[in-house]
């Protein structure tokens, strides 16, 4: 059993990672959330700070492995 990282992500941030894992880009995610692309990029930046992982693919991979997203 892998340890779930204690990233303290918001529900919206988890949804963001889920959408990224499904191959959605920031433009599509912004449309889904009904927010500007800049807001999605800020959220992604927050996720990078919380996880300490800067590569988008690595964040998604780690979140999948840890069961944060599925």
Protein backbone atom coordinates (compact mmCIF):
# COMPACT_ATOMS: atom_id res chain seq x y z
CA UNK A 1 0.00 0.00 0.00
CA UNK A 2 1.49 3.30 -1.07
CA UNK A 3 1.41 6.21 1.33
CA UNK A 4 -1.00 8.94 0.27
CA UNK A 5 1.00 12.16 0.16
CA UNK A 6 -0.17 14.81 2.59
CA UNK A 7 -0.43 17.57 0.01
CA UNK A 8 -3.53 19.27 1.47
CA UNK A 9 -4.97 19.82 -2.00
CA UNK A 10 -8.37 21.43 -2.38
CA UNK A 11 -11.17 19.56 -4.10
CA UNK A 12 -10.74 21.86 -7.11
CA UNK A 13 -6.99 21.12 -7.27
CA UNK A 14 -7.70 17.39 -7.19
CA UNK A 15 -10.24 17.86 -10.01
CA UNK A 16 -7.58 19.84 -11.90
CA UNK A 17 -5.14 16.93 -11.61
CA UNK A 18 -7.86 14.49 -12.64
CA UNK A 19 -8.57 16.53 -15.79
CA UNK A 20 -4.85 16.78 -16.57
CA UNK A 21 -4.55 13.01 -16.17
CA UNK A 22 -7.37 12.65 -18.73
CA UNK A 23 -5.30 14.64 -21.21
CA UNK A 24 -7.09 17.97 -20.88
CA UNK A 25 -5.00 21.12 -21.36
CA UNK A 26 -5.28 24.33 -19.33
CA UNK A 27 -7.61 25.93 -21.90
CA UNK A 28 -10.14 23.07 -21.67
CA UNK A 29 -9.83 23.00 -17.87
CA UNK A 30 -10.47 26.76 -17.71
CA UNK A 31 -13.62 26.23 -19.77
CA UNK A 32 -14.73 23.36 -17.53
CA UNK A 33 -14.18 25.46 -14.37
CA UNK A 34 -15.58 28.60 -16.05
CA UNK A 35 -12.51 30.59 -15.01
CA UNK A 36 -9.75 32.36 -16.98
CA UNK A 37 -6.74 30.31 -18.15
CA UNK A 38 -4.58 32.47 -15.84
CA UNK A 39 -6.56 31.15 -12.84
CA UNK A 40 -5.91 27.54 -13.88
CA UNK A 41 -2.20 28.33 -14.25
CA UNK A 42 -2.23 29.87 -10.76
CA UNK A 43 -3.90 26.74 -9.38
CA UNK A 44 -1.27 24.61 -11.07
CA UNK A 45 1.41 26.79 -9.53
CA UNK A 46 -0.19 26.27 -6.09
CA UNK A 47 -0.23 22.51 -6.69
CA UNK A 48 3.48 22.64 -7.63
CA UNK A 49 4.23 24.47 -4.37
CA UNK A 50 2.17 22.04 -2.27
CA UNK A 51 3.60 18.89 -3.89
CA UNK A 52 7.14 20.12 -4.38
CA UNK A 53 6.94 18.57 -7.87
CA UNK A 54 7.42 20.97 -10.77
CA UNK A 55 6.89 18.70 -13.77
CA UNK A 56 3.20 18.50 -14.66
CA UNK A 57 3.40 14.89 -15.85
CA UNK A 58 5.26 13.87 -12.68
CA UNK A 59 2.59 15.48 -10.48
CA UNK A 60 -0.15 13.57 -12.33
CA UNK A 61 1.82 10.29 -12.23
CA UNK A 62 2.55 10.65 -8.51
CA UNK A 63 -1.09 11.54 -7.77
CA UNK A 64 -2.30 8.50 -9.72
CA UNK A 65 0.15 6.15 -7.99
CA UNK A 66 -0.80 7.52 -4.59
CA UNK A 67 -4.51 7.20 -5.27
CA UNK A 68 -5.09 10.96 -4.93
CA UNK A 69 -6.79 10.73 -8.33
CA UNK A 70 -8.02 7.60 -10.05
